[in-house]
Amino acid sequence: MANGKGGSMHLFDIPNGNLGGHGIVGGHLPLAVGTAFAQWYKKTGGVTFAFMGDGAVNQGTFNESLNLASLYKLPAIFVVENNGVAMGTQVERSSADRDLAHRGAGFNMPHWNIDGNDLDTVISEFSKAASRARSGDGPSFIVANTFRFRGHSMSDPLKYRTKEEQERARLRDPIALYEKRLLESGMLTEEQFEKMQDETAQEINAAVSQVEADPHPDLQERFDDILVEKYPYQAR
C-alpha cells in the first residue's frame, strides 16, 4: 500500500490480513484494538494478533490498549516478541518486573510465557488464544521469549551481548530446531531441504536484482501514498 515508502517498517499485505508494521514503538496497539473491535462488531469470526517488542510494554498505549480490549472482551491477542534487549537496552534495566508476562496481570486476561523459538509450541499456544477469542472470552497476552542474532540496525554493533550468549542462542535457532525435528520425524529429507533453500535463495536474489534494476521514482511522487491529503508538487 505504501509502494515501498518507509522501508521495512511499512510492509502491508491487506488481502492476507497483514495490516503492516509501524515505526512508532507501541503506536500500532490502539489500531489493533480498533481492528479487533471491528471484528467483534461485525461478527466476522476474525481475530487480531498484535505483535510488539519488549520495548513497547513501557509505552502508555500498551496499558490503554490492553485495558480497552479486556473491557470490551475483544478478539485480540497481544504478543510480545521478547528478545530481552529491545533496541539495545536489557529488560532488567527497563522493567521493574523482569517477567514480562506479569504485565498482563492487571487487565483481567490470561497471560503467560512461551518458547518463541519452538514453532510447534507457538502454533499450539496461539491456537488456544485464538479459540478463546473466537468464543467471546476476550483477549490474551502472550510473551514469546526469543533471541535476536543481529543488531537492531546496520549501525548496531551488538556490544551489549557477549559472544558466549550468541553462541548459546545459535543452538536454539528456530529454523535449525525445526529443520532437525522434520528430518528426525521423516517428514523431510536432506534433499528436500536443500531444494527448498535453493528455491528460496533464487526467489530472494531475483527480487533484489529487480529492485536494483528498477528506476527511482520521480521527485513529484514523494508525497504520494504517505497521507490521505494530496499536496501539489512545486519544482524549484
C-alpha atoms as a PDB file:
ATOM      1  CA  MET A   1       0.000   0.000   0.000  1.00  0.00           C
ATOM      2  CA  ALA A   2       2.839   2.404   0.743  1.00  0.00           C
ATOM      3  CA  ASN A   3       4.631   1.465  -2.502  1.00  0.00           C
ATOM      4  CA  GLY A   4       7.906   0.975  -0.706  1.00  0.00           C
ATOM      5  CA  LYS A   5       7.936   4.248   1.187  1.00  0.00           C
ATOM      6  CA  GLY A   6       9.006   3.818   4.791  1.00  0.00           C
ATOM      7  CA  GLY A   7      11.068   0.713   4.111  1.00  0.00           C
ATOM      8  CA  SER A   8      10.646  -2.486   6.096  1.00  0.00           C
ATOM      9  CA  MET A   9       8.612  -0.743   8.784  1.00  0.00           C
ATOM     10  CA  HIS A  10       5.675  -0.246   6.420  1.00  0.00           C
ATOM     11  CA  LEU A  11       5.115  -3.594   4.708  1.00  0.00           C
ATOM     12  CA  PHE A  12       1.440  -4.376   4.149  1.00  0.00           C
ATOM     13  CA  ASP A  13      -0.413  -7.384   2.727  1.00  0.00           C
ATOM     14  CA  ILE A  14      -4.084  -6.473   3.075  1.00  0.00           C
ATOM     15  CA  PRO A  15      -5.539  -9.452   1.118  1.00  0.00           C
ATOM     16  CA  ASN A  16      -3.938 -11.825   3.635  1.00  0.00           C
ATOM     17  CA  GLY A  17      -4.873  -9.775   6.678  1.00  0.00           C
ATOM     18  CA  ASN A  18      -1.442  -8.252   7.361  1.00  0.00           C
ATOM     19  CA  LEU A  19      -2.112  -4.645   8.307  1.00  0.00           C
ATOM     20  CA  GLY A  20       1.531  -3.709   8.321  1.00  0.00           C
ATOM     21  CA  GLY A  21       4.296  -2.683  10.647  1.00  0.00           C
ATOM     22  CA  HIS A  22       4.666   0.701  12.282  1.00  0.00           C
ATOM     23  CA  GLY A  23       7.774   2.714  13.024  1.00  0.00           C
ATOM     24  CA  ILE A  24       6.411   4.300  16.222  1.00  0.00           C
ATOM     25  CA  VAL A  25       7.014   1.924  19.143  1.00  0.00           C
ATOM     26  CA  GLY A  26       3.631   0.891  20.531  1.00  0.00           C
ATOM     27  CA  GLY A  27       1.806   3.187  18.115  1.00  0.00           C
ATOM     28  CA  HIS A  28       0.062   0.295  16.396  1.00  0.00           C
ATOM     29  CA  LEU A  29      -1.572  -1.142  19.530  1.00  0.00           C
ATOM     30  CA  PRO A  30      -4.612   1.190  19.531  1.00  0.00           C
ATOM     31  CA  LEU A  31      -5.039   0.376  15.823  1.00  0.00           C
ATOM     32  CA  ALA A  32      -5.055  -3.326  16.669  1.00  0.00           C
ATOM     33  CA  VAL A  33      -7.795  -2.703  19.233  1.00  0.00           C
ATOM     34  CA  GLY A  34      -9.730  -0.923  16.502  1.00  0.00           C
ATOM     35  CA  THR A  35      -9.487  -3.869  14.108  1.00  0.00           C
ATOM     36  CA  ALA A  36     -10.481  -6.274  16.890  1.00  0.00           C
ATOM     37  CA  PHE A  37     -13.462  -4.059  17.688  1.00  0.00           C
ATOM     38  CA  ALA A  38     -14.492  -4.142  14.023  1.00  0.00           C
ATOM     39  CA  GLN A  39     -14.263  -7.951  14.000  1.00  0.00           C
ATOM     40  CA  TRP A  40     -16.383  -8.149  17.160  1.00  0.00           C
ATOM     41  CA  TYR A  41     -18.914  -5.574  15.972  1.00  0.00           C
ATOM     42  CA  LYS A  42     -19.354  -7.151  12.529  1.00  0.00           C
ATOM     43  CA  LYS A  43     -19.244 -10.684  13.936  1.00  0.00           C
ATOM     44  CA  THR A  44     -16.703 -11.786  11.325  1.00  0.00           C
ATOM     45  CA  GLY A  45     -15.188 -14.514  13.487  1.00  0.00           C
ATOM     46  CA  GLY A  46     -11.785 -12.929  12.937  1.00  0.00           C
ATOM     47  CA  VAL A  47      -9.036 -12.479  15.492  1.00  0.00           C
ATOM     48  CA  THR A  48      -6.443  -9.686  15.639  1.00  0.00           C
ATOM     49  CA  PHE A  49      -2.838 -10.547  16.506  1.00  0.00           C
ATOM     50  CA  ALA A  50      -0.901  -7.515  17.753  1.00  0.00           C
ATOM     51  CA  PHE A  51       2.852  -8.143  17.775  1.00  0.00           C
ATOM     52  CA  MET A  52       5.227  -5.905  19.673  1.00  0.00           C
ATOM     53  CA  GLY A  53       8.744  -5.951  21.055  1.00  0.00           C
ATOM     54  CA  ASP A  54       9.678  -5.937  24.723  1.00  0.00           C
ATOM     55  CA  GLY A  55      10.405  -2.213  24.463  1.00  0.00           C
ATOM     56  CA  ALA A  56       6.746  -1.483  23.643  1.00  0.00           C
ATOM     57  CA  VAL A  57       5.415  -2.671  27.020  1.00  0.00           C
ATOM     58  CA  ASN A  58       6.678   0.549  28.598  1.00  0.00           C
ATOM     59  CA  GLN A  59       4.576   2.753  26.327  1.00  0.00           C
ATOM     60  CA  GLY A  60       1.349   4.342  27.522  1.00  0.00           C
ATOM     61  CA  THR A  61      -0.525   2.941  24.519  1.00  0.00           C
ATOM     62  CA  PHE A  62       0.224  -0.554  25.821  1.00  0.00           C
ATOM     63  CA  ASN A  63      -1.790  -0.033  29.012  1.00  0.00           C
ATOM     64  CA  GLU A  64      -4.615   1.813  27.292  1.00  0.00           C
ATOM     65  CA  SER A  65      -4.973  -0.811  24.567  1.00  0.00           C
ATOM     66  CA  LEU A  66      -4.945  -3.872  26.812  1.00  0.00           C
ATOM     67  CA  ASN A  67      -7.403  -2.282  29.209  1.00  0.00           C
ATOM     68  CA  LEU A  68      -9.882  -1.376  26.477  1.00  0.00           C
ATOM     69  CA  ALA A  69      -9.573  -4.754  24.753  1.00  0.00           C
ATOM     70  CA  SER A  70     -10.312  -6.557  28.014  1.00  0.00           C
ATOM     71  CA  LEU A  71     -13.132  -4.192  28.958  1.00  0.00           C
ATOM     72  CA  TYR A  72     -14.985  -4.984  25.722  1.00  0.00           C
ATOM     73  CA  LYS A  73     -13.810  -8.629  25.554  1.00  0.00           C
ATOM     74  CA  LEU A  74     -12.424  -8.053  22.081  1.00  0.00           C
ATOM     75  CA  PRO A  75     -10.956 -10.899  19.970  1.00  0.00           C
ATOM     76  CA  ALA A  76      -7.374  -9.659  20.310  1.00  0.00           C
ATOM     77  CA  ILE A  77      -4.144 -11.482  21.079  1.00  0.00           C
ATOM     78  CA  PHE A  78      -1.252  -9.345  22.251  1.00  0.00           C
ATOM     79  CA  VAL A  79       2.118 -10.973  21.574  1.00  0.00           C
ATOM     80  CA  VAL A  80       5.395  -9.659  22.977  1.00  0.00           C
ATOM     81  CA  GLU A  81       8.389 -10.859  20.969  1.00  0.00           C
ATOM     82  CA  ASN A  82      10.765 -10.624  23.901  1.00  0.00           C
ATOM     83  CA  ASN A  83      14.380 -10.699  22.735  1.00  0.00           C
ATOM     84  CA  GLY A  84      15.460  -9.289  26.091  1.00  0.00           C
ATOM     85  CA  VAL A  85      17.094  -6.127  24.781  1.00  0.00           C
ATOM     86  CA  ALA A  86      14.504  -4.090  22.833  1.00  0.00           C
ATOM     87  CA  MET A  87      16.639  -1.853  20.590  1.00  0.00           C
ATOM     88  CA  GLY A  88      19.628  -2.242  22.876  1.00  0.00           C
ATOM     89  CA  THR A  89      18.514  -1.903  26.498  1.00  0.00           C
ATOM     90  CA  GLN A  90      18.210  -5.069  28.581  1.00  0.00           C
ATOM     91  CA  VAL A  91      14.841  -5.846  30.147  1.00  0.00           C
ATOM     92  CA  GLU A  92      16.303  -5.726  33.645  1.00  0.00           C
ATOM     93  CA  ARG A  93      17.315  -2.107  33.049  1.00  0.00           C
ATOM     94  CA  SER A  94      13.907  -1.016  31.750  1.00  0.00           C
ATOM     95  CA  SER A  95      11.333  -3.138  33.588  1.00  0.00           C
ATOM     96  CA  ALA A  96      10.920  -3.400  37.366  1.00  0.00           C
ATOM     97  CA  ASP A  97       9.497  -6.907  36.847  1.00  0.00           C
ATOM     98  CA  ARG A  98      11.738  -8.984  34.598  1.00  0.00           C
ATOM     99  CA  ASP A  99       8.943 -11.467  33.852  1.00  0.00           C
ATOM    100  CA  LEU A 100       7.083  -9.512  31.187  1.00  0.00           C
ATOM    101  CA  ALA A 101       4.130 -11.900  31.260  1.00  0.00           C
ATOM    102  CA  HIS A 102       3.203 -10.282  34.586  1.00  0.00           C
ATOM    103  CA  ARG A 103       2.483  -7.082  32.666  1.00  0.00           C
ATOM    104  CA  GLY A 104      -0.821  -8.626  31.595  1.00  0.00           C
ATOM    105  CA  ALA A 105      -1.920  -9.309  35.190  1.00  0.00           C
ATOM    106  CA  GLY A 106      -3.722  -6.015  35.662  1.00  0.00           C
ATOM    107  CA  PHE A 107      -6.014  -6.365  32.673  1.00  0.00           C
ATOM    108  CA  ASN A 108      -8.110  -9.397  33.597  1.00  0.00           C
ATOM    109  CA  MET A 109      -6.849 -11.564  30.757  1.00  0.00           C
ATOM    110  CA  PRO A 110      -4.773 -14.777  30.626  1.00  0.00           C
ATOM    111  CA  HIS A 111      -1.047 -14.004  30.450  1.00  0.00           C
ATOM    112  CA  TRP A 112       1.803 -16.447  30.058  1.00  0.00           C
ATOM    113  CA  ASN A 113       5.300 -17.087  28.687  1.00  0.00           C
ATOM    114  CA  ILE A 114       6.088 -19.417  25.798  1.00  0.00           C
ATOM    115  CA  ASP A 115       9.215 -20.577  23.993  1.00  0.00           C
ATOM    116  CA  GLY A 116       9.189 -18.302  20.967  1.00  0.00           C
ATOM    117  CA  ASN A 117      11.874 -20.367  19.230  1.00  0.00           C
ATOM    118  CA  ASP A 118       9.779 -23.552  19.100  1.00  0.00           C
ATOM    119  CA  LEU A 119       7.379 -23.412  16.145  1.00  0.00           C
ATOM    120  CA  ASP A 120       5.124 -26.223  17.388  1.00  0.00           C
ATOM    121  CA  THR A 121       4.791 -24.512  20.760  1.00  0.00           C
ATOM    122  CA  VAL A 122       3.961 -21.177  19.119  1.00  0.00           C
ATOM    123  CA  ILE A 123       1.281 -22.755  16.903  1.00  0.00           C
ATOM    124  CA  SER A 124      -0.275 -24.603  19.840  1.00  0.00           C
ATOM    125  CA  GLU A 125      -0.343 -21.626  22.224  1.00  0.00           C
ATOM    126  CA  PHE A 126      -1.571 -19.182  19.589  1.00  0.00           C
ATOM    127  CA  SER A 127      -4.351 -21.617  18.668  1.00  0.00           C
ATOM    128  CA  LYS A 128      -5.528 -21.744  22.287  1.00  0.00           C
ATOM    129  CA  ALA A 129      -5.661 -17.958  22.477  1.00  0.00           C
ATOM    130  CA  ALA A 130      -7.466 -17.712  19.112  1.00  0.00           C
ATOM    131  CA  SER A 131     -10.091 -20.244  20.183  1.00  0.00           C
ATOM    132  CA  ARG A 132     -10.671 -18.292  23.383  1.00  0.00           C
ATOM    133  CA  ALA A 133     -11.046 -15.043  21.447  1.00  0.00           C
ATOM    134  CA  ARG A 134     -13.495 -16.533  18.948  1.00  0.00           C
ATOM    135  CA  SER A 135     -15.622 -17.970  21.755  1.00  0.00           C
ATOM    136  CA  GLY A 136     -16.182 -14.459  23.104  1.00  0.00           C
ATOM    137  CA  ASP A 137     -13.982 -14.772  26.195  1.00  0.00           C
ATOM    138  CA  GLY A 138     -11.785 -11.820  25.257  1.00  0.00           C
ATOM    139  CA  PRO A 139      -8.098 -11.114  24.706  1.00  0.00           C
ATOM    140  CA  SER A 140      -4.929 -12.933  25.765  1.00  0.00           C
ATOM    141  CA  PHE A 141      -1.398 -11.727  26.490  1.00  0.00           C
ATOM    142  CA  ILE A 142       1.480 -13.951  25.377  1.00  0.00           C
ATOM    143  CA  VAL A 143       5.196 -13.330  25.831  1.00  0.00           C
ATOM    144  CA  ALA A 144       7.192 -15.264  23.230  1.00  0.00           C
ATOM    145  CA  ASN A 145      10.745 -15.372  24.558  1.00  0.00           C
ATOM    146  CA  THR A 146      13.347 -15.386  21.811  1.00  0.00           C
ATOM    147  CA  PHE A 147      16.749 -14.004  20.793  1.00  0.00           C
ATOM    148  CA  ARG A 148      17.895 -11.515  18.177  1.00  0.00           C
ATOM    149  CA  PHE A 149      21.000 -12.759  16.358  1.00  0.00           C
ATOM    150  CA  ARG A 150      21.879  -9.408  14.807  1.00  0.00           C
ATOM    151  CA  GLY A 151      21.875  -5.789  15.848  1.00  0.00           C
ATOM    152  CA  HIS A 152      18.763  -3.665  15.732  1.00  0.00           C
ATOM    153  CA  SER A 153      20.083  -1.990  12.586  1.00  0.00           C
ATOM    154  CA  MET A 154      23.187  -1.884  10.399  1.00  0.00           C
ATOM    155  CA  SER A 155      24.697   0.670  12.783  1.00  0.00           C
ATOM    156  CA  ASP A 156      24.219  -1.576  15.832  1.00  0.00           C
ATOM    157  CA  PRO A 157      27.449  -3.494  16.695  1.00  0.00           C
ATOM    158  CA  LEU A 158      25.640  -5.637  19.306  1.00  0.00           C
ATOM    159  CA  LYS A 159      28.102  -4.697  22.065  1.00  0.00           C
ATOM    160  CA  TYR A 160      25.510  -5.357  24.775  1.00  0.00           C
ATOM    161  CA  ARG A 161      25.750  -9.137  24.219  1.00  0.00           C
ATOM    162  CA  THR A 162      28.706 -11.426  24.743  1.00  0.00           C
ATOM    163  CA  LYS A 163      29.956 -13.925  22.193  1.00  0.00           C
ATOM    164  CA  GLU A 164      29.095 -16.701  24.651  1.00  0.00           C
ATOM    165  CA  GLU A 165      25.465 -15.550  24.769  1.00  0.00           C
ATOM    166  CA  GLN A 166      25.260 -15.507  20.997  1.00  0.00           C
ATOM    167  CA  GLU A 167      26.846 -18.935  20.634  1.00  0.00           C
ATOM    168  CA  ARG A 168      24.392 -20.460  23.122  1.00  0.00           C
ATOM    169  CA  ALA A 169      21.477 -18.841  21.328  1.00  0.00           C
ATOM    170  CA  ARG A 170      22.609 -20.226  17.967  1.00  0.00           C
ATOM    171  CA  LEU A 171      21.962 -23.711  19.328  1.00  0.00           C
ATOM    172  CA  ARG A 172      18.288 -22.782  19.600  1.00  0.00           C
ATOM    173  CA  ASP A 173      17.842 -21.080  16.254  1.00  0.00           C
ATOM    174  CA  PRO A 174      14.140 -21.740  15.460  1.00  0.00           C
ATOM    175  CA  ILE A 175      14.824 -22.620  11.826  1.00  0.00           C
ATOM    176  CA  ALA A 176      17.594 -25.052  12.748  1.00  0.00           C
ATOM    177  CA  LEU A 177      15.450 -26.578  15.501  1.00  0.00           C
ATOM    178  CA  TYR A 178      12.526 -27.194  13.177  1.00  0.00           C
ATOM    179  CA  GLU A 179      14.757 -28.498  10.400  1.00  0.00           C
ATOM    180  CA  LYS A 180      16.151 -31.089  12.816  1.00  0.00           C
ATOM    181  CA  ARG A 181      12.671 -32.034  14.025  1.00  0.00           C
ATOM    182  CA  LEU A 182      11.338 -32.532  10.495  1.00  0.00           C
ATOM    183  CA  LEU A 183      14.363 -34.576   9.456  1.00  0.00           C
ATOM    184  CA  GLU A 184      14.214 -36.799  12.540  1.00  0.00           C
ATOM    185  CA  SER A 185      10.487 -37.414  12.082  1.00  0.00           C
ATOM    186  CA  GLY A 186      10.943 -38.374   8.436  1.00  0.00           C
ATOM    187  CA  MET A 187       8.648 -35.588   7.240  1.00  0.00           C
ATOM    188  CA  LEU A 188      11.528 -34.012   5.333  1.00  0.00           C
ATOM    189  CA  THR A 189      14.638 -35.324   3.612  1.00  0.00           C
ATOM    190  CA  GLU A 190      18.005 -33.622   3.246  1.00  0.00           C
ATOM    191  CA  GLU A 191      17.411 -33.357  -0.494  1.00  0.00           C
ATOM    192  CA  GLN A 192      14.040 -31.680   0.001  1.00  0.00           C
ATOM    193  CA  PHE A 193      15.502 -29.227   2.495  1.00  0.00           C
ATOM    194  CA  GLU A 194      18.367 -28.291   0.165  1.00  0.00           C
ATOM    195  CA  LYS A 195      15.892 -27.823  -2.695  1.00  0.00           C
ATOM    196  CA  MET A 196      13.776 -25.505  -0.531  1.00  0.00           C
ATOM    197  CA  GLN A 197      16.875 -23.492   0.406  1.00  0.00           C
ATOM    198  CA  ASP A 198      17.910 -23.166  -3.247  1.00  0.00           C
ATOM    199  CA  GLU A 199      14.431 -22.108  -4.363  1.00  0.00           C
ATOM    200  CA  THR A 200      14.215 -19.533  -1.569  1.00  0.00           C
ATOM    201  CA  ALA A 201      17.659 -18.132  -2.400  1.00  0.00           C
ATOM    202  CA  GLN A 202      16.721 -17.835  -6.069  1.00  0.00           C
ATOM    203  CA  GLU A 203      13.495 -16.006  -5.219  1.00  0.00           C
ATOM    204  CA  ILE A 204      15.323 -13.572  -2.946  1.00  0.00           C
ATOM    205  CA  ASN A 205      18.122 -12.953  -5.461  1.00  0.00           C
ATOM    206  CA  ALA A 206      15.578 -12.330  -8.219  1.00  0.00           C
ATOM    207  CA  ALA A 207      13.732  -9.821  -6.033  1.00  0.00           C
ATOM    208  CA  VAL A 208      16.964  -7.997  -5.129  1.00  0.00           C
ATOM    209  CA  SER A 209      18.006  -7.874  -8.794  1.00  0.00           C
ATOM    210  CA  GLN A 210      14.638  -6.422  -9.774  1.00  0.00           C
ATOM    211  CA  VAL A 211      14.814  -3.759  -7.076  1.00  0.00           C
ATOM    212  CA  GLU A 212      18.317  -2.731  -8.105  1.00  0.00           C
ATOM    213  CA  ALA A 213      17.247  -2.532 -11.755  1.00  0.00           C
ATOM    214  CA  ASP A 214      14.064  -0.551 -11.122  1.00  0.00           C
ATOM    215  CA  PRO A 215      14.315   3.218 -11.750  1.00  0.00           C
ATOM    216  CA  HIS A 216      13.994   5.672  -8.887  1.00  0.00           C
ATOM    217  CA  PRO A 217      10.541   7.281  -8.622  1.00  0.00           C
ATOM    218  CA  ASP A 218      10.022  10.804  -9.890  1.00  0.00           C
ATOM    219  CA  LEU A 219      10.557  13.531  -7.320  1.00  0.00           C
ATOM    220  CA  GLN A 220       6.934  14.641  -7.734  1.00  0.00           C
ATOM    221  CA  GLU A 221       5.814  11.311  -6.237  1.00  0.00           C
ATOM    222  CA  ARG A 222       7.471  11.981  -2.891  1.00  0.00           C
ATOM    223  CA  PHE A 223       4.172  12.845  -1.148  1.00  0.00           C
ATOM    224  CA  ASP A 224       2.103  10.077  -2.752  1.00  0.00           C
ATOM    225  CA  ASP A 225       0.974   7.126  -0.586  1.00  0.00           C
ATOM    226  CA  ILE A 226       2.000   8.985   2.590  1.00  0.00           C
ATOM    227  CA  LEU A 227      -1.104  10.885   3.717  1.00  0.00           C
ATOM    228  CA  VAL A 228      -4.723  10.973   2.604  1.00  0.00           C
ATOM    229  CA  GLU A 229      -4.318  14.624   1.715  1.00  0.00           C
ATOM    230  CA  LYS A 230      -2.752  15.448  -1.648  1.00  0.00           C
ATOM    231  CA  TYR A 231      -0.001  18.030  -1.900  1.00  0.00           C
ATOM    232  CA  PRO A 232       0.888  19.707  -5.193  1.00  0.00           C
ATOM    233  CA  TYR A 233       4.455  19.277  -6.373  1.00  0.00           C
ATOM    234  CA  GLN A 234       6.272  22.543  -6.926  1.00  0.00           C
ATOM    235  CA  ALA A 235       9.541  22.376  -8.803  1.00  0.00           C
ATOM    236  CA  ARG A 236      12.209  24.818  -7.676  1.00  0.00           C
END
